[in-house]
Amino acid sequence: MTGITPRDVIPSDVRRLQAIADTMAGVEGVEKLPVDEAISRLEAAHRALAEALKPETEPQPGGGADQ
């Protein structure tokens, strides 16, 4: 059995906001990159944002009292 980590008890909306902030920070300066690398980073950012912004369909463990 694994123990509960601090990340496990962070509310899902906080985790979602952090994922969005991390993703947006990762595309800073993308206009200065070679086209292939810029496209790769933007595609990865798109996937991460789509996942972070997807509505939850069921409560997640450690999702906080709002779930």
N, C-alpha and C. Protein backbone atom coordinates (compact mmCIF):
# COMPACT_ATOMS: atom_id res chain seq x y z
N MET A 1 0.84 -1.18 0.00
CA MET A 1 0.00 0.00 0.00
C MET A 1 0.89 1.24 0.00
N THR A 2 0.57 2.19 -0.84
CA THR A 2 1.36 3.42 -0.90
C THR A 2 0.73 4.47 0.01
N GLY A 3 1.57 5.34 0.53
CA GLY A 3 1.09 6.41 1.40
C GLY A 3 0.54 7.57 0.60
N ILE A 4 -0.19 8.41 1.28
CA ILE A 4 -0.76 9.60 0.66
C ILE A 4 0.33 10.66 0.59
N THR A 5 0.48 11.26 -0.56
CA THR A 5 1.45 12.34 -0.73
C THR A 5 0.73 13.68 -0.67
N PRO A 6 1.46 14.76 -0.45
CA PRO A 6 0.81 16.08 -0.43
C PRO A 6 0.05 16.37 -1.72
N ARG A 7 0.57 15.91 -2.84
CA ARG A 7 -0.09 16.15 -4.12
C ARG A 7 -1.47 15.46 -4.18
N ASP A 8 -1.60 14.34 -3.47
CA ASP A 8 -2.86 13.60 -3.47
C ASP A 8 -4.01 14.38 -2.83
N VAL A 9 -3.70 15.29 -1.94
CA VAL A 9 -4.75 15.99 -1.22
C VAL A 9 -5.02 17.40 -1.76
N ILE A 10 -4.31 17.79 -2.82
CA ILE A 10 -4.56 19.09 -3.44
C ILE A 10 -5.89 19.00 -4.18
N PRO A 11 -6.77 19.96 -3.98
CA PRO A 11 -8.06 19.94 -4.70
C PRO A 11 -7.84 19.93 -6.22
N SER A 12 -8.72 19.26 -6.92
CA SER A 12 -8.56 19.09 -8.36
C SER A 12 -8.52 20.42 -9.11
N ASP A 13 -9.28 21.42 -8.63
CA ASP A 13 -9.26 22.70 -9.34
C ASP A 13 -7.90 23.39 -9.20
N VAL A 14 -7.23 23.19 -8.08
CA VAL A 14 -5.89 23.76 -7.89
C VAL A 14 -4.88 23.03 -8.77
N ARG A 15 -5.00 21.71 -8.84
CA ARG A 15 -4.11 20.94 -9.73
C ARG A 15 -4.31 21.37 -11.18
N ARG A 16 -5.56 21.59 -11.56
CA ARG A 16 -5.88 22.01 -12.92
C ARG A 16 -5.27 23.38 -13.22
N LEU A 17 -5.40 24.32 -12.31
CA LEU A 17 -4.83 25.65 -12.51
C LEU A 17 -3.31 25.59 -12.60
N GLN A 18 -2.69 24.75 -11.79
CA GLN A 18 -1.24 24.61 -11.85
C GLN A 18 -0.81 24.00 -13.18
N ALA A 19 -1.54 23.02 -13.67
CA ALA A 19 -1.21 22.41 -14.96
C ALA A 19 -1.32 23.45 -16.08
N ILE A 20 -2.34 24.29 -16.02
CA ILE A 20 -2.50 25.34 -17.03
C ILE A 20 -1.34 26.32 -16.96
N ALA A 21 -0.98 26.77 -15.76
CA ALA A 21 0.12 27.72 -15.60
C ALA A 21 1.44 27.11 -16.09
N ASP A 22 1.70 25.86 -15.75
CA ASP A 22 2.93 25.19 -16.19
C ASP A 22 2.97 25.07 -17.71
N THR A 23 1.83 24.74 -18.30
CA THR A 23 1.76 24.60 -19.75
C THR A 23 2.02 25.93 -20.45
N MET A 24 1.39 26.97 -19.96
CA MET A 24 1.57 28.28 -20.59
C MET A 24 3.01 28.77 -20.44
N ALA A 25 3.63 28.48 -19.31
CA ALA A 25 5.04 28.85 -19.12
C ALA A 25 5.93 28.10 -20.11
N GLY A 26 5.53 26.90 -20.47
CA GLY A 26 6.31 26.10 -21.39
C GLY A 26 6.26 26.56 -22.83
N VAL A 27 5.34 27.43 -23.18
CA VAL A 27 5.26 27.92 -24.56
C VAL A 27 5.81 29.34 -24.68
N GLU A 28 6.31 29.90 -23.58
CA GLU A 28 6.93 31.22 -23.67
C GLU A 28 8.15 31.14 -24.59
N GLY A 29 8.27 32.08 -25.48
CA GLY A 29 9.41 32.13 -26.40
C GLY A 29 9.32 31.17 -27.55
N VAL A 30 8.17 30.52 -27.72
CA VAL A 30 8.03 29.52 -28.78
C VAL A 30 8.25 30.13 -30.17
N GLU A 31 8.00 31.43 -30.30
CA GLU A 31 8.16 32.08 -31.60
C GLU A 31 9.63 32.16 -32.03
N LYS A 32 10.54 31.96 -31.10
CA LYS A 32 11.98 32.02 -31.41
C LYS A 32 12.56 30.66 -31.78
N LEU A 33 11.78 29.61 -31.64
CA LEU A 33 12.25 28.25 -31.90
C LEU A 33 12.15 27.90 -33.38
N PRO A 34 12.92 26.91 -33.81
CA PRO A 34 12.72 26.38 -35.17
C PRO A 34 11.28 25.86 -35.30
N VAL A 35 10.76 25.93 -36.49
CA VAL A 35 9.35 25.61 -36.72
C VAL A 35 8.98 24.22 -36.20
N ASP A 36 9.78 23.22 -36.49
CA ASP A 36 9.46 21.85 -36.04
C ASP A 36 9.34 21.76 -34.52
N GLU A 37 10.28 22.39 -33.82
CA GLU A 37 10.24 22.34 -32.36
C GLU A 37 9.07 23.15 -31.82
N ALA A 38 8.79 24.30 -32.45
CA ALA A 38 7.66 25.12 -32.01
C ALA A 38 6.35 24.36 -32.17
N ILE A 39 6.19 23.69 -33.29
CA ILE A 39 4.97 22.91 -33.53
C ILE A 39 4.85 21.80 -32.50
N SER A 40 5.95 21.12 -32.22
CA SER A 40 5.93 20.04 -31.24
C SER A 40 5.51 20.55 -29.87
N ARG A 41 6.08 21.68 -29.45
CA ARG A 41 5.72 22.24 -28.14
C ARG A 41 4.27 22.70 -28.11
N LEU A 42 3.81 23.31 -29.19
CA LEU A 42 2.43 23.77 -29.22
C LEU A 42 1.45 22.61 -29.22
N GLU A 43 1.78 21.53 -29.91
CA GLU A 43 0.92 20.35 -29.89
C GLU A 43 0.86 19.75 -28.49
N ALA A 44 2.01 19.68 -27.81
CA ALA A 44 2.03 19.16 -26.45
C ALA A 44 1.22 20.06 -25.51
N ALA A 45 1.35 21.37 -25.71
CA ALA A 45 0.59 22.32 -24.89
C ALA A 45 -0.90 22.16 -25.14
N HIS A 46 -1.27 21.96 -26.39
CA HIS A 46 -2.68 21.78 -26.72
C HIS A 46 -3.25 20.54 -26.02
N ARG A 47 -2.50 19.45 -26.05
CA ARG A 47 -2.95 18.22 -25.38
C ARG A 47 -3.08 18.44 -23.87
N ALA A 48 -2.08 19.10 -23.28
CA ALA A 48 -2.11 19.34 -21.84
C ALA A 48 -3.28 20.24 -21.45
N LEU A 49 -3.52 21.29 -22.24
CA LEU A 49 -4.63 22.20 -21.93
C LEU A 49 -5.97 21.51 -22.13
N ALA A 50 -6.09 20.72 -23.17
CA ALA A 50 -7.35 20.00 -23.40
C ALA A 50 -7.65 19.07 -22.23
N GLU A 51 -6.62 18.42 -21.71
CA GLU A 51 -6.80 17.52 -20.57
C GLU A 51 -7.15 18.32 -19.30
N ALA A 52 -6.46 19.42 -19.09
CA ALA A 52 -6.69 20.23 -17.88
C ALA A 52 -8.06 20.89 -17.89
N LEU A 53 -8.55 21.23 -19.05
CA LEU A 53 -9.82 21.95 -19.15
C LEU A 53 -11.02 21.03 -19.35
N LYS A 54 -10.76 19.74 -19.50
CA LYS A 54 -11.83 18.76 -19.67
C LYS A 54 -12.62 18.65 -18.38
N PRO A 55 -13.94 18.71 -18.45
CA PRO A 55 -14.73 18.57 -17.22
C PRO A 55 -14.55 17.18 -16.61
N GLU A 56 -14.51 17.15 -15.29
CA GLU A 56 -14.40 15.86 -14.60
C GLU A 56 -15.74 15.15 -14.65
N THR A 57 -15.70 13.85 -14.85
CA THR A 57 -16.94 13.08 -14.91
C THR A 57 -17.21 12.33 -13.63
N GLU A 58 -16.18 12.13 -12.82
CA GLU A 58 -16.36 11.45 -11.55
C GLU A 58 -15.35 11.99 -10.55
N PRO A 59 -15.67 11.94 -9.28
CA PRO A 59 -14.74 12.46 -8.27
C PRO A 59 -13.40 11.72 -8.30
N GLN A 60 -12.32 12.46 -8.08
CA GLN A 60 -10.99 11.90 -8.05
C GLN A 60 -10.54 11.78 -6.59
N PRO A 61 -9.73 10.78 -6.28
CA PRO A 61 -9.22 10.67 -4.91
C PRO A 61 -8.45 11.94 -4.53
N GLY A 62 -8.69 12.44 -3.34
CA GLY A 62 -8.01 13.64 -2.89
C GLY A 62 -8.54 14.89 -3.54
N GLY A 63 -9.73 14.82 -4.13
CA GLY A 63 -10.29 15.94 -4.85
C GLY A 63 -10.84 17.03 -3.98
N GLY A 64 -10.80 16.88 -2.69
CA GLY A 64 -11.27 17.92 -1.79
C GLY A 64 -12.74 17.75 -1.42
N ALA A 65 -13.20 18.64 -0.59
CA ALA A 65 -14.58 18.56 -0.07
C ALA A 65 -15.62 18.90 -1.10
N ASP A 66 -15.21 19.58 -2.19
CA ASP A 66 -16.18 20.02 -3.20
C ASP A 66 -16.61 18.88 -4.11
N GLN A 67 -16.07 17.67 -3.91
CA GLN A 67 -16.41 16.58 -4.82
C GLN A 67 -17.20 15.51 -4.12
